[in-house]
Amino acid sequence: MDKKEAFKVFARNHPELLNSVRNGDASWQKLYEVYDIYGEDDRAWSTYFNKGSNSNFSNITDIVKNIDMDSVQKHINTAQKALGIVQELTGKGAGGASVKGPITPRPINKFFED
């Protein structure tokens, strides 16, 4: 079996290559050149084989793994303190008590503090 036929068999066994060509990420010529230079077993194919629904999940898990939880906790504490200050300033804190007394309407016949 010559090199071209071997590449065709390799491409049939890996439908991810077809998806890469359809998406415009690669051409058949480029894929054949990679196959000709590196063969079947190499890390050069990982860029084509990892594209798919599993790669999205692995990207998310990589992002979650790289989160510094101490930093997140510090930011949450800072936000809670800021919200507490705003609640105290607006009088809508945990107590719910207002500083002003009850409102009494002004008599109709009283003008300009007569």
C-alpha atoms as a PDB file:
ATOM      1  CA  MET A   1       0.000   0.000   0.000  1.00  0.00           C
ATOM      2  CA  ASP A   2       1.420   3.350  -0.997  1.00  0.00           C
ATOM      3  CA  LYS A   3       1.485   6.481   1.144  1.00  0.00           C
ATOM      4  CA  LYS A   4      -1.652   8.023  -0.410  1.00  0.00           C
ATOM      5  CA  GLU A   5      -3.759   4.937   0.207  1.00  0.00           C
ATOM      6  CA  ALA A   6      -2.461   4.710   3.780  1.00  0.00           C
ATOM      7  CA  PHE A   7      -3.482   8.350   4.330  1.00  0.00           C
ATOM      8  CA  LYS A   8      -6.963   7.647   2.936  1.00  0.00           C
ATOM      9  CA  VAL A   9      -7.393   4.761   5.376  1.00  0.00           C
ATOM     10  CA  PHE A  10      -6.091   6.956   8.214  1.00  0.00           C
ATOM     11  CA  ALA A  11      -8.543   9.734   7.248  1.00  0.00           C
ATOM     12  CA  ARG A  12     -11.473   7.287   7.130  1.00  0.00           C
ATOM     13  CA  ASN A  13     -10.612   6.051  10.631  1.00  0.00           C
ATOM     14  CA  HIS A  14     -10.502   9.621  11.999  1.00  0.00           C
ATOM     15  CA  PRO A  15     -13.644  11.589  11.031  1.00  0.00           C
ATOM     16  CA  GLU A  16     -12.318  14.558  13.025  1.00  0.00           C
ATOM     17  CA  LEU A  17     -10.109  15.316  10.028  1.00  0.00           C
ATOM     18  CA  LEU A  18     -13.165  15.676   7.811  1.00  0.00           C
ATOM     19  CA  ASN A  19     -14.680  18.092  10.344  1.00  0.00           C
ATOM     20  CA  SER A  20     -11.483  20.150  10.339  1.00  0.00           C
ATOM     21  CA  VAL A  21     -11.592  20.409   6.547  1.00  0.00           C
ATOM     22  CA  ARG A  22     -15.293  21.325   6.558  1.00  0.00           C
ATOM     23  CA  ASN A  23     -14.732  24.004   9.215  1.00  0.00           C
ATOM     24  CA  GLY A  24     -11.904  25.502   7.183  1.00  0.00           C
ATOM     25  CA  ASP A  25      -9.291  24.782   9.838  1.00  0.00           C
ATOM     26  CA  ALA A  26      -7.228  22.674   7.435  1.00  0.00           C
ATOM     27  CA  SER A  27      -7.086  21.447   3.856  1.00  0.00           C
ATOM     28  CA  TRP A  28      -6.619  17.896   2.649  1.00  0.00           C
ATOM     29  CA  GLN A  29      -3.245  18.925   1.212  1.00  0.00           C
ATOM     30  CA  LYS A  30      -2.071  20.251   4.565  1.00  0.00           C
ATOM     31  CA  LEU A  31      -3.293  17.122   6.366  1.00  0.00           C
ATOM     32  CA  TYR A  32      -1.536  14.895   3.861  1.00  0.00           C
ATOM     33  CA  GLU A  33       1.705  16.846   4.327  1.00  0.00           C
ATOM     34  CA  VAL A  34       1.465  16.401   8.099  1.00  0.00           C
ATOM     35  CA  TYR A  35       0.834  12.689   7.570  1.00  0.00           C
ATOM     36  CA  ASP A  36       3.748  12.430   5.154  1.00  0.00           C
ATOM     37  CA  ILE A  37       6.166  14.154   7.539  1.00  0.00           C
ATOM     38  CA  TYR A  38       5.056  12.856  10.954  1.00  0.00           C
ATOM     39  CA  GLY A  39       3.077   9.703  10.222  1.00  0.00           C
ATOM     40  CA  GLU A  40       0.113   8.469  12.239  1.00  0.00           C
ATOM     41  CA  ASP A  41       1.409   8.541  15.795  1.00  0.00           C
ATOM     42  CA  ASP A  42       2.403  12.051  16.703  1.00  0.00           C
ATOM     43  CA  ARG A  43       1.258  15.038  18.708  1.00  0.00           C
ATOM     44  CA  ALA A  44       0.725  16.942  15.469  1.00  0.00           C
ATOM     45  CA  TRP A  45      -2.674  15.264  15.177  1.00  0.00           C
ATOM     46  CA  SER A  46      -3.831  16.345  18.616  1.00  0.00           C
ATOM     47  CA  THR A  47      -4.911  19.743  17.273  1.00  0.00           C
ATOM     48  CA  TYR A  48      -7.305  18.017  14.888  1.00  0.00           C
ATOM     49  CA  PHE A  49      -8.465  15.181  17.126  1.00  0.00           C
ATOM     50  CA  ASN A  50      -9.314  17.350  20.163  1.00  0.00           C
ATOM     51  CA  LYS A  51     -11.771  19.582  18.341  1.00  0.00           C
ATOM     52  CA  GLY A  52     -15.282  18.583  19.337  1.00  0.00           C
ATOM     53  CA  SER A  53     -17.782  18.554  22.159  1.00  0.00           C
ATOM     54  CA  ASN A  54     -15.323  16.916  24.551  1.00  0.00           C
ATOM     55  CA  SER A  55     -12.815  19.698  24.016  1.00  0.00           C
ATOM     56  CA  ASN A  56     -15.357  22.303  25.187  1.00  0.00           C
ATOM     57  CA  PHE A  57     -15.876  20.351  28.381  1.00  0.00           C
ATOM     58  CA  SER A  58     -12.137  19.920  28.883  1.00  0.00           C
ATOM     59  CA  ASN A  59     -11.627  23.669  28.329  1.00  0.00           C
ATOM     60  CA  ILE A  60     -14.180  24.424  31.023  1.00  0.00           C
ATOM     61  CA  THR A  61     -12.585  22.004  33.447  1.00  0.00           C
ATOM     62  CA  ASP A  62      -9.170  23.541  32.755  1.00  0.00           C
ATOM     63  CA  ILE A  63     -10.552  27.002  33.522  1.00  0.00           C
ATOM     64  CA  VAL A  64     -12.154  25.799  36.755  1.00  0.00           C
ATOM     65  CA  LYS A  65      -8.927  24.100  37.827  1.00  0.00           C
ATOM     66  CA  ASN A  66      -6.995  27.361  37.383  1.00  0.00           C
ATOM     67  CA  ILE A  67      -9.313  29.460  39.593  1.00  0.00           C
ATOM     68  CA  ASP A  68      -7.728  30.689  42.814  1.00  0.00           C
ATOM     69  CA  MET A  69     -10.440  30.138  45.406  1.00  0.00           C
ATOM     70  CA  ASP A  70      -8.743  32.368  47.995  1.00  0.00           C
ATOM     71  CA  SER A  71      -8.889  35.275  45.569  1.00  0.00           C
ATOM     72  CA  VAL A  72     -12.551  34.590  44.822  1.00  0.00           C
ATOM     73  CA  GLN A  73     -13.342  34.511  48.547  1.00  0.00           C
ATOM     74  CA  LYS A  74     -11.572  37.863  49.084  1.00  0.00           C
ATOM     75  CA  HIS A  75     -13.605  39.462  46.295  1.00  0.00           C
ATOM     76  CA  ILE A  76     -16.847  38.077  47.710  1.00  0.00           C
ATOM     77  CA  ASN A  77     -16.005  39.445  51.173  1.00  0.00           C
ATOM     78  CA  THR A  78     -15.213  42.859  49.698  1.00  0.00           C
ATOM     79  CA  ALA A  79     -18.524  42.901  47.823  1.00  0.00           C
ATOM     80  CA  GLN A  80     -20.415  41.926  50.980  1.00  0.00           C
ATOM     81  CA  LYS A  81     -18.768  44.752  52.936  1.00  0.00           C
ATOM     82  CA  ALA A  82     -19.644  47.260  50.209  1.00  0.00           C
ATOM     83  CA  LEU A  83     -23.271  46.110  50.182  1.00  0.00           C
ATOM     84  CA  GLY A  84     -23.397  46.393  53.982  1.00  0.00           C
ATOM     85  CA  ILE A  85     -22.169  49.995  53.821  1.00  0.00           C
ATOM     86  CA  VAL A  86     -24.747  50.883  51.171  1.00  0.00           C
ATOM     87  CA  GLN A  87     -27.512  49.314  53.260  1.00  0.00           C
ATOM     88  CA  GLU A  88     -26.449  51.295  56.328  1.00  0.00           C
ATOM     89  CA  LEU A  89     -26.374  54.552  54.372  1.00  0.00           C
ATOM     90  CA  THR A  90     -29.816  54.034  52.891  1.00  0.00           C
ATOM     91  CA  GLY A  91     -31.359  52.962  56.201  1.00  0.00           C
ATOM     92  CA  LYS A  92     -32.419  49.615  54.842  1.00  0.00           C
ATOM     93  CA  GLY A  93     -30.084  47.517  56.910  1.00  0.00           C
ATOM     94  CA  ALA A  94     -30.845  44.388  58.878  1.00  0.00           C
ATOM     95  CA  GLY A  95     -32.732  46.341  61.569  1.00  0.00           C
ATOM     96  CA  GLY A  96     -35.083  47.953  59.087  1.00  0.00           C
ATOM     97  CA  ALA A  97     -35.691  50.868  61.504  1.00  0.00           C
ATOM     98  CA  SER A  98     -35.994  54.313  60.042  1.00  0.00           C
ATOM     99  CA  VAL A  99     -34.515  57.403  61.732  1.00  0.00           C
ATOM    100  CA  LYS A 100     -37.472  59.657  60.832  1.00  0.00           C
ATOM    101  CA  GLY A 101     -40.657  59.681  62.890  1.00  0.00           C
ATOM    102  CA  PRO A 102     -44.199  59.349  61.608  1.00  0.00           C
ATOM    103  CA  ILE A 103     -45.339  61.863  59.005  1.00  0.00           C
ATOM    104  CA  THR A 104     -48.032  64.324  60.146  1.00  0.00           C
ATOM    105  CA  PRO A 105     -49.817  66.307  57.461  1.00  0.00           C
ATOM    106  CA  ARG A 106     -49.674  70.082  57.653  1.00  0.00           C
ATOM    107  CA  PRO A 107     -52.945  71.911  58.237  1.00  0.00           C
ATOM    108  CA  ILE A 108     -54.493  73.342  55.075  1.00  0.00           C
ATOM    109  CA  ASN A 109     -54.913  76.842  56.467  1.00  0.00           C
ATOM    110  CA  LYS A 110     -51.336  77.216  57.687  1.00  0.00           C
ATOM    111  CA  PHE A 111     -48.975  79.004  55.254  1.00  0.00           C
ATOM    112  CA  PHE A 112     -45.280  79.777  55.599  1.00  0.00           C
ATOM    113  CA  GLU A 113     -45.125  78.818  59.252  1.00  0.00           C
ATOM    114  CA  ASP A 114     -47.841  81.326  60.419  1.00  0.00           C
END
